[in-house]
N, C-alpha and C. Protein backbone atom coordinates (compact mmCIF):
# COMPACT_ATOMS: atom_id res chain seq x y z
N MET A 1 28.00 69.45 121.24
CA MET A 1 27.86 68.45 120.64
C MET A 1 26.59 68.33 120.63
N SER A 2 26.31 67.51 120.07
CA SER A 2 24.99 66.55 119.24
C SER A 2 24.50 65.51 120.51
N ARG A 3 23.26 65.32 120.52
CA ARG A 3 23.16 64.40 121.72
C ARG A 3 24.21 63.02 120.99
N SER A 4 24.10 62.83 119.43
CA SER A 4 24.15 61.09 119.07
C SER A 4 26.09 61.29 120.09
N GLY A 5 26.58 62.77 119.23
CA GLY A 5 27.90 62.77 120.08
C GLY A 5 28.34 62.75 121.00
N ALA A 6 27.41 63.26 122.10
CA ALA A 6 27.84 62.57 123.57
C ALA A 6 27.63 61.42 123.77
N VAL A 7 26.29 60.71 123.22
CA VAL A 7 25.91 59.40 123.47
C VAL A 7 27.16 58.20 122.86
N LEU A 8 28.06 58.82 121.44
CA LEU A 8 29.02 57.58 121.40
C LEU A 8 30.29 58.02 121.79
N GLU A 9 30.30 59.25 122.54
CA GLU A 9 31.33 59.20 123.77
C GLU A 9 31.55 58.00 124.59
N ASN A 10 29.56 57.60 124.84
CA ASN A 10 29.80 56.65 126.52
C ASN A 10 30.74 55.38 125.33
N TYR A 11 31.00 54.85 124.26
CA TYR A 11 31.01 54.00 123.74
C TYR A 11 32.56 53.42 123.09
N TYR A 12 33.15 54.33 124.01
CA TYR A 12 34.89 54.38 123.41
C TYR A 12 35.39 53.68 124.01
N ARG A 13 35.83 53.20 124.82
CA ARG A 13 36.06 52.26 125.89
C ARG A 13 35.83 50.79 124.86
N GLU A 14 34.43 51.00 125.48
CA GLU A 14 33.73 49.25 124.71
C GLU A 14 34.63 49.27 123.21
N LEU A 15 34.35 50.05 122.35
CA LEU A 15 34.53 50.03 120.64
C LEU A 15 36.31 50.04 120.78
N VAL A 16 36.98 50.15 121.56
CA VAL A 16 38.53 49.34 122.04
C VAL A 16 38.45 48.74 121.95
N SER A 17 37.71 48.23 123.39
CA SER A 17 38.34 46.66 123.66
C SER A 17 37.79 45.91 122.48
N PHE A 18 36.84 45.75 121.58
CA PHE A 18 36.40 45.01 120.82
C PHE A 18 36.73 44.77 119.47
N LEU A 19 37.53 46.13 118.89
CA LEU A 19 38.64 45.98 117.78
C LEU A 19 39.89 45.40 118.56
N CYS A 20 39.97 46.03 120.18
CA CYS A 20 41.41 45.40 120.28
C CYS A 20 41.88 43.36 120.39
N ALA A 21 40.00 43.35 120.70
CA ALA A 21 40.10 41.83 120.47
C ALA A 21 39.63 41.21 119.18
N ARG A 22 40.43 42.11 118.25
CA ARG A 22 39.77 41.67 116.85
C ARG A 22 41.16 41.58 116.18
N LEU A 23 41.90 42.65 116.18
CA LEU A 23 42.63 43.47 115.71
C LEU A 23 44.58 43.03 116.48
N GLY A 24 44.39 42.11 118.04
CA GLY A 24 45.32 42.07 118.61
C GLY A 24 46.51 42.94 118.64
N ASN A 25 46.53 44.25 118.33
CA ASN A 25 46.82 45.31 118.52
C ASN A 25 46.13 46.51 119.32
N ARG A 26 46.61 47.34 120.31
CA ARG A 26 45.76 48.02 121.43
C ARG A 26 45.84 49.62 120.39
N GLN A 27 46.98 49.82 119.65
CA GLN A 27 47.25 50.78 119.07
C GLN A 27 46.13 51.43 118.21
N ALA A 28 46.61 49.79 117.47
CA ALA A 28 45.40 49.74 116.09
C ALA A 28 43.81 50.15 116.33
N ALA A 29 43.63 49.34 117.73
CA ALA A 29 42.37 49.23 117.34
C ALA A 29 42.03 50.82 118.40
N GLU A 30 42.45 51.43 119.16
CA GLU A 30 42.86 52.97 119.23
C GLU A 30 42.61 53.84 118.04
N ASP A 31 43.23 53.21 117.56
CA ASP A 31 42.90 54.74 116.21
C ASP A 31 41.84 54.61 115.30
N ILE A 32 41.63 53.06 115.21
CA ILE A 32 40.42 52.94 114.42
C ILE A 32 39.09 53.52 115.06
N ALA A 33 39.28 53.69 116.45
CA ALA A 33 38.17 54.09 117.05
C ALA A 33 38.02 55.34 116.77
N HIS A 34 39.26 55.94 117.18
CA HIS A 34 39.21 57.70 116.42
C HIS A 34 38.87 58.27 115.44
N ASP A 35 39.57 57.39 114.06
CA ASP A 35 38.77 57.14 112.82
C ASP A 35 37.42 56.98 112.77
N ALA A 36 36.75 55.80 113.29
CA ALA A 36 35.58 55.58 113.16
C ALA A 36 34.34 57.12 114.02
N TYR A 37 34.87 57.66 114.86
CA TYR A 37 34.06 58.52 115.83
C TYR A 37 33.88 60.18 114.88
N ILE A 38 35.55 60.19 114.33
CA ILE A 38 35.38 61.16 113.04
C ILE A 38 34.84 61.10 112.23
N ARG A 39 34.39 60.03 111.23
CA ARG A 39 33.74 59.78 110.12
C ARG A 39 32.05 59.94 110.64
N VAL A 40 31.52 59.47 111.93
CA VAL A 40 30.22 58.95 112.20
C VAL A 40 29.75 60.42 112.31
N LEU A 41 30.96 61.61 113.19
CA LEU A 41 30.27 63.01 113.43
C LEU A 41 30.07 63.79 112.35
N GLU A 42 31.38 63.76 111.20
CA GLU A 42 30.99 64.79 110.85
C GLU A 42 29.91 64.02 108.85
N ARG A 43 29.70 62.27 109.37
CA ARG A 43 28.23 62.13 108.35
C ARG A 43 27.29 62.86 108.71
N SER A 44 27.20 62.22 110.42
CA SER A 44 26.06 62.86 110.48
C SER A 44 25.53 65.05 111.20
N GLY A 45 27.06 65.45 110.73
CA GLY A 45 26.97 66.75 110.93
C GLY A 45 25.82 67.56 111.43
N GLY A 46 25.79 67.24 112.55
CA GLY A 46 24.59 67.44 114.20
C GLY A 46 23.57 66.89 114.23
N SER A 47 23.19 66.22 113.23
CA SER A 47 21.71 65.74 113.02
C SER A 47 22.04 64.44 114.33
N GLU A 48 21.01 63.60 114.55
CA GLU A 48 20.43 63.04 115.54
C GLU A 48 20.92 61.51 114.40
N ILE A 49 21.52 60.56 115.11
CA ILE A 49 21.76 58.86 114.25
C ILE A 49 20.60 58.12 115.14
N GLU A 50 20.21 57.62 114.55
CA GLU A 50 19.40 56.20 115.17
C GLU A 50 19.29 55.76 115.78
N HIS A 51 20.28 55.27 115.55
CA HIS A 51 21.62 53.92 116.13
C HIS A 51 22.89 54.43 116.50
N PRO A 52 22.89 55.14 117.12
CA PRO A 52 24.67 55.56 117.08
C PRO A 52 24.99 54.20 117.63
N ARG A 53 25.23 53.56 118.29
CA ARG A 53 26.09 52.44 118.83
C ARG A 53 26.10 51.44 117.44
N ALA A 54 25.12 50.94 116.83
CA ALA A 54 25.40 50.39 115.61
C ALA A 54 26.32 50.81 114.79
N PHE A 55 25.96 52.30 114.53
CA PHE A 55 26.53 53.19 113.12
C PHE A 55 27.83 53.11 113.53
N LEU A 56 27.96 53.01 115.07
CA LEU A 56 29.49 53.60 115.30
C LEU A 56 30.35 52.26 115.20
N TYR A 57 29.85 51.23 116.04
CA TYR A 57 30.50 49.78 115.30
C TYR A 57 30.27 49.57 113.67
N ARG A 58 29.53 49.96 113.28
CA ARG A 58 29.43 49.46 111.67
C ARG A 58 30.72 49.87 110.90
N THR A 59 30.51 51.20 111.30
CA THR A 59 31.56 52.37 110.62
C THR A 59 33.09 52.14 111.20
N ALA A 60 33.31 51.65 112.34
CA ALA A 60 34.65 51.22 112.73
C ALA A 60 34.98 49.77 111.97
N LEU A 61 34.14 48.96 111.43
CA LEU A 61 34.35 47.55 111.23
C LEU A 61 34.81 48.16 109.51
N ASN A 62 34.09 48.68 109.50
CA ASN A 62 34.49 48.81 107.83
C ASN A 62 35.96 49.44 107.55
N LEU A 63 36.06 50.09 108.54
CA LEU A 63 37.51 50.83 108.53
C LEU A 63 38.75 49.32 108.71
N VAL A 64 38.20 48.88 109.73
CA VAL A 64 38.56 47.79 109.86
C VAL A 64 38.92 46.47 108.23
N ILE A 65 38.05 46.07 107.69
CA ILE A 65 37.94 45.93 106.81
C ILE A 65 38.62 46.27 105.73
N ASP A 66 38.20 47.71 105.52
CA ASP A 66 38.85 48.41 104.48
C ASP A 66 40.63 48.36 104.32
N GLY A 67 41.16 48.71 105.47
CA GLY A 67 42.37 48.44 106.11
C GLY A 67 43.11 47.24 105.73
N HIS A 68 42.31 46.38 105.99
CA HIS A 68 43.12 44.57 105.70
C HIS A 68 42.92 44.91 103.97
N ARG A 69 42.08 45.12 103.47
CA ARG A 69 42.30 45.20 102.27
C ARG A 69 43.12 45.69 101.36
N ARG A 70 43.47 46.91 102.33
CA ARG A 70 44.87 47.61 101.40
C ARG A 70 46.28 47.07 101.83
N GLY A 71 46.11 46.39 103.05
CA GLY A 71 47.30 45.78 104.03
C GLY A 71 47.97 46.70 104.57
N LEU A 72 47.18 48.09 104.96
CA LEU A 72 47.59 49.16 105.60
C LEU A 72 47.44 49.21 107.40
N LEU A 73 47.11 47.32 107.67
CA LEU A 73 47.25 47.83 109.20
C LEU A 73 48.01 46.49 109.67
N ARG A 74 48.73 46.99 110.37
CA ARG A 74 50.32 46.22 110.47
C ARG A 74 50.16 46.11 112.44
N GLN A 75 51.17 45.01 112.65
CA GLN A 75 50.83 44.72 113.98
C GLN A 75 51.43 45.94 114.74
N VAL A 76 52.69 46.84 113.96
CA VAL A 76 53.31 47.68 114.49
C VAL A 76 53.08 48.82 113.50
N GLU A 77 52.93 49.54 114.59
CA GLU A 77 52.62 51.00 113.67
C GLU A 77 53.76 52.06 113.81
N PRO A 78 54.13 52.56 112.82
CA PRO A 78 55.23 52.75 112.21
C PRO A 78 54.80 54.28 112.93
N LEU A 79 55.65 55.25 113.18
CA LEU A 79 55.93 56.67 113.03
C LEU A 79 55.52 57.39 112.00
N GLU A 80 54.86 58.32 111.51
CA GLU A 80 55.30 58.98 110.14
C GLU A 80 54.42 60.02 110.25
N VAL A 81 54.20 60.33 109.63
CA VAL A 81 54.31 62.02 109.37
C VAL A 81 52.28 62.41 109.76
N LEU A 82 52.72 63.96 110.11
CA LEU A 82 51.41 63.97 110.76
C LEU A 82 50.06 63.37 110.09
N ASP A 83 50.13 64.04 108.18
CA ASP A 83 48.74 63.18 107.33
C ASP A 83 48.36 62.09 106.98
N SER A 84 49.38 60.90 107.93
CA SER A 84 49.32 59.84 107.23
C SER A 84 47.84 59.06 107.17
N ASP A 85 47.45 59.80 108.95
CA ASP A 85 45.71 59.24 108.64
C ASP A 85 44.51 59.62 107.67
N GLU A 86 45.42 60.80 106.94
CA GLU A 86 44.41 61.84 106.28
C GLU A 86 44.18 61.31 104.71
N ARG A 87 45.50 60.38 104.69
CA ARG A 87 45.89 60.26 102.91
C ARG A 87 44.93 58.16 103.29
N PHE A 88 44.78 57.88 104.25
CA PHE A 88 44.16 56.27 104.80
C PHE A 88 42.44 56.88 104.62
N PHE A 89 42.39 57.56 105.21
CA PHE A 89 40.72 57.70 105.33
C PHE A 89 40.04 58.72 104.57
N SER A 90 40.85 59.87 103.74
CA SER A 90 40.00 60.89 103.52
C SER A 90 40.75 60.80 102.12
N PRO A 91 39.78 61.91 101.15
CA PRO A 91 39.92 61.90 99.67
C PRO A 91 41.52 62.74 99.39
N ALA A 92 42.40 62.31 98.26
CA ALA A 92 43.49 62.55 98.07
C ALA A 92 43.29 64.31 98.56
N PRO A 93 44.31 65.08 99.13
CA PRO A 93 44.64 66.35 99.26
C PRO A 93 44.77 66.95 97.98
N SER A 94 44.49 67.94 97.92
CA SER A 94 43.94 68.80 96.85
C SER A 94 45.61 69.15 96.15
N GLN A 95 45.54 68.99 94.76
CA GLN A 95 46.58 69.31 94.24
C GLN A 95 47.57 70.40 94.01
N SER A 96 46.43 71.31 94.28
CA SER A 96 47.42 72.70 94.29
C SER A 96 47.72 73.67 95.49
N MET A 97 47.94 72.50 96.34
CA MET A 97 48.51 73.03 97.73
C MET A 97 50.13 72.31 98.41
N ASP A 98 51.31 72.77 98.28
CA ASP A 98 52.34 71.91 98.36
C ASP A 98 52.55 71.89 99.81
N LEU A 99 53.47 70.26 99.88
CA LEU A 99 53.65 70.06 101.12
C LEU A 99 53.55 70.93 102.22
N ASN A 100 54.61 72.35 102.18
CA ASN A 100 54.83 73.14 102.70
C ASN A 100 53.87 73.81 103.09
N GLN A 101 52.52 74.05 102.46
CA GLN A 101 51.61 75.10 102.76
C GLN A 101 50.83 73.65 103.28
N ARG A 102 50.18 73.20 103.40
CA ARG A 102 49.61 72.00 103.94
C ARG A 102 50.49 72.08 105.49
N LEU A 103 51.68 71.97 105.47
CA LEU A 103 52.13 71.22 107.24
C LEU A 103 51.76 72.64 107.73
N GLU A 104 52.06 73.91 107.28
CA GLU A 104 51.88 75.05 107.98
C GLU A 104 50.42 75.43 108.57
N LEU A 105 49.35 75.19 107.40
CA LEU A 105 48.24 75.17 107.57
C LEU A 105 47.70 74.00 109.44
N MET A 106 48.34 72.90 108.99
CA MET A 106 48.42 71.82 109.82
C MET A 106 48.62 72.48 110.92
N GLN A 107 50.05 73.35 111.11
CA GLN A 107 50.61 74.05 112.39
C GLN A 107 49.44 74.92 112.81
N ARG A 108 48.72 75.69 111.59
CA ARG A 108 47.77 76.69 112.32
C ARG A 108 46.78 75.85 112.90
N ALA A 109 46.13 74.91 112.53
CA ALA A 109 45.40 74.44 113.17
C ALA A 109 45.23 73.76 114.65
N LEU A 110 46.24 73.40 114.57
CA LEU A 110 47.46 72.63 116.06
C LEU A 110 47.26 74.04 116.86
N ALA A 111 47.25 75.23 116.82
CA ALA A 111 47.76 76.33 117.42
C ALA A 111 46.42 76.61 118.00
N GLU A 112 45.69 76.28 117.20
CA GLU A 112 43.61 76.97 117.77
C GLU A 112 43.71 76.03 119.02
N LEU A 113 43.85 75.08 119.33
CA LEU A 113 43.98 74.04 120.18
C LEU A 113 44.64 74.51 121.53
N SER A 114 43.64 73.73 122.37
CA SER A 114 44.22 73.95 123.78
C SER A 114 45.65 73.13 123.83
N GLN A 115 46.14 73.73 124.79
CA GLN A 115 47.72 73.23 125.26
C GLN A 115 47.41 71.59 125.57
N PRO A 116 46.96 71.30 126.54
CA PRO A 116 46.30 70.06 126.50
C PRO A 116 45.95 68.88 125.57
N CYS A 117 45.02 69.28 124.75
CA CYS A 117 44.62 68.47 123.75
C CYS A 117 46.26 68.85 122.50
N ARG A 118 46.65 69.88 122.16
CA ARG A 118 47.36 69.55 121.15
C ARG A 118 48.69 68.58 121.70
N GLU A 119 49.18 68.71 122.94
CA GLU A 119 50.12 67.74 123.68
C GLU A 119 49.75 65.92 123.27
N SER A 120 48.46 66.17 123.97
CA SER A 120 47.67 64.52 123.74
C SER A 120 47.95 64.41 122.33
N PHE A 121 47.77 64.54 121.11
CA PHE A 121 48.04 64.75 119.77
C PHE A 121 49.19 64.33 119.47
N LEU A 122 49.90 65.60 119.62
CA LEU A 122 51.51 64.92 119.15
C LEU A 122 52.30 64.35 119.85
N LEU A 123 51.92 64.19 120.90
CA LEU A 123 52.17 62.75 122.15
C LEU A 123 51.82 61.66 121.24
N ARG A 124 50.62 61.31 120.73
CA ARG A 124 50.46 60.27 120.17
C ARG A 124 51.02 60.40 118.68
N LYS A 125 50.88 61.10 117.96
CA LYS A 125 50.81 60.44 116.30
C LYS A 125 52.36 60.97 116.10
N LEU A 126 53.12 62.01 116.94
CA LEU A 126 54.75 61.84 116.27
C LEU A 126 55.47 61.35 117.51
N ASP A 127 55.00 61.29 118.79
CA ASP A 127 56.26 60.47 119.83
C ASP A 127 55.42 59.04 119.64
N GLY A 128 54.51 58.56 119.06
CA GLY A 128 54.04 57.38 119.77
C GLY A 128 53.58 56.38 120.72
N LEU A 129 53.05 57.27 121.07
CA LEU A 129 52.57 57.04 122.99
C LEU A 129 51.01 56.44 123.21
N SER A 130 51.31 55.76 123.90
CA SER A 130 49.91 55.41 124.19
C SER A 130 49.17 56.62 124.88
N HIS A 131 48.09 56.06 124.92
CA HIS A 131 46.99 56.62 126.02
C HIS A 131 47.26 56.53 127.35
N PRO A 132 47.56 55.44 127.80
CA PRO A 132 48.06 55.53 129.20
C PRO A 132 49.37 56.38 129.61
N GLN A 133 50.38 56.24 128.34
CA GLN A 133 51.69 56.92 128.74
C GLN A 133 51.76 58.44 128.65
N ILE A 134 50.55 58.93 127.64
CA ILE A 134 50.18 60.37 127.68
C ILE A 134 49.63 60.71 128.81
N ALA A 135 48.58 60.03 129.16
CA ALA A 135 47.89 60.53 130.91
C ALA A 135 48.70 60.47 131.71
N GLU A 136 49.65 59.60 131.98
CA GLU A 136 50.70 59.55 132.99
C GLU A 136 51.52 60.86 132.82
N ARG A 137 52.13 61.07 131.64
CA ARG A 137 53.12 62.50 130.95
C ARG A 137 52.22 63.55 131.62
N LEU A 138 51.06 63.62 131.30
CA LEU A 138 50.46 64.94 131.35
C LEU A 138 49.74 65.26 132.32
N GLY A 139 49.65 64.49 133.32
CA GLY A 139 49.00 64.34 134.59
C GLY A 139 47.45 64.65 134.27
N ILE A 140 46.78 63.95 133.42
CA ILE A 140 45.61 63.98 133.52
C ILE A 140 44.81 62.36 133.11
N SER A 141 43.23 62.11 133.16
CA SER A 141 42.96 60.58 133.13
C SER A 141 43.03 60.30 131.60
N ARG A 142 43.07 59.10 131.09
CA ARG A 142 43.30 58.38 129.73
C ARG A 142 42.04 58.63 129.44
N SER A 143 40.49 59.20 130.07
CA SER A 143 39.47 59.15 129.07
C SER A 143 39.72 60.64 128.83
N VAL A 144 40.40 61.44 129.28
CA VAL A 144 40.46 62.88 128.86
C VAL A 144 41.39 63.09 127.65
N VAL A 145 43.01 62.05 128.25
CA VAL A 145 43.40 62.05 126.77
C VAL A 145 42.78 61.67 125.67
N GLU A 146 41.31 60.42 125.72
CA GLU A 146 41.14 59.38 124.31
C GLU A 146 40.33 61.38 124.07
N LYS A 147 39.35 61.70 124.51
CA LYS A 147 38.92 62.90 123.97
C LYS A 147 39.31 64.07 123.47
N HIS A 148 40.49 64.57 123.94
CA HIS A 148 41.85 65.30 123.20
C HIS A 148 42.24 64.53 122.27
N ILE A 149 42.05 63.47 121.51
CA ILE A 149 43.20 63.14 120.72
C ILE A 149 41.86 63.33 119.74
N VAL A 150 40.64 62.86 119.45
CA VAL A 150 39.43 62.73 118.88
C VAL A 150 39.02 63.77 118.88
N ASN A 151 39.10 64.54 119.74
CA ASN A 151 38.87 66.04 118.88
C ASN A 151 39.86 66.95 118.26
N ALA A 152 41.13 66.67 118.66
CA ALA A 152 42.13 67.22 117.75
C ALA A 152 42.29 66.60 116.28
N MET A 153 41.90 65.42 116.24
CA MET A 153 41.83 65.01 114.98
C MET A 153 40.65 65.21 114.11
N LYS A 154 39.71 65.37 114.87
CA LYS A 154 38.51 66.34 114.20
C LYS A 154 38.91 67.64 114.04
N HIS A 155 38.59 68.55 114.74
CA HIS A 155 39.37 69.83 114.15
C HIS A 155 40.32 70.20 113.59
N CYS A 156 41.71 69.62 113.41
CA CYS A 156 42.96 69.54 112.16
C CYS A 156 42.17 69.03 110.55
N ARG A 157 41.29 68.03 110.33
CA ARG A 157 40.13 67.71 109.57
C ARG A 157 39.73 68.36 108.85
N LEU A 158 38.99 69.30 109.79
CA LEU A 158 37.88 69.86 109.08
C LEU A 158 38.67 71.45 108.81
N ARG A 159 39.25 72.05 109.75
CA ARG A 159 40.03 73.04 109.82
C ARG A 159 40.87 72.87 108.41
N MET A 160 41.55 71.45 107.64
CA MET A 160 42.02 71.65 106.53
C MET A 160 41.06 71.51 105.19
N ARG A 161 40.20 71.12 105.69
CA ARG A 161 39.32 70.84 104.38
C ARG A 161 38.57 72.40 104.42
N ASP A 162 38.57 73.17 105.00
CA ASP A 162 37.86 74.53 104.88
C ASP A 162 39.07 75.36 104.58
N TRP A 163 40.42 74.82 104.51
CA TRP A 163 41.72 76.04 103.92
C TRP A 163 41.65 75.48 103.05
N GLU A 164 41.78 74.07 102.51
CA GLU A 164 41.60 73.37 101.10
C GLU A 164 40.78 73.98 100.47
N SER A 165 39.80 74.68 100.52
CA SER A 165 38.83 74.03 99.60
C SER A 165 38.94 76.03 99.11
N GLN A 166 39.47 77.12 100.06
CA GLN A 166 39.34 78.65 99.83
C GLN A 166 40.13 78.54 98.48
């Protein structure tokens, strides 16, 4: 991980608290924070970011604004398919891939993750559990759960892009 990536991890809880105060919904705040981290890490491409905290906050606020404009931030997070975040924050998937192919690729990407990382991600995205609930169920700290989910989302997005471009 680049120095910027390591520095950004220090701001996670602060950013979630900031977003939670703005949105009034901890799960929505955590999701926006995850997506902001992924966007910043993907844009930096391993290069150093001059003001990582400011860049992270600006990215998160832009995601909130975009979400409000599209009416996609809700008080209650629905349990949706795995790629709901992909449709919201990423370009449309390749038309040449059908849903079954995308699901197979997602399963392959998830299989590449460590078991705790994969379980944290699936418990959040499929079961809708909060970070404290996942931490309790898996017997790990909340900060480890947060890192697992961010890493799983980044890994799956990068792998899906790689495979879709082939």
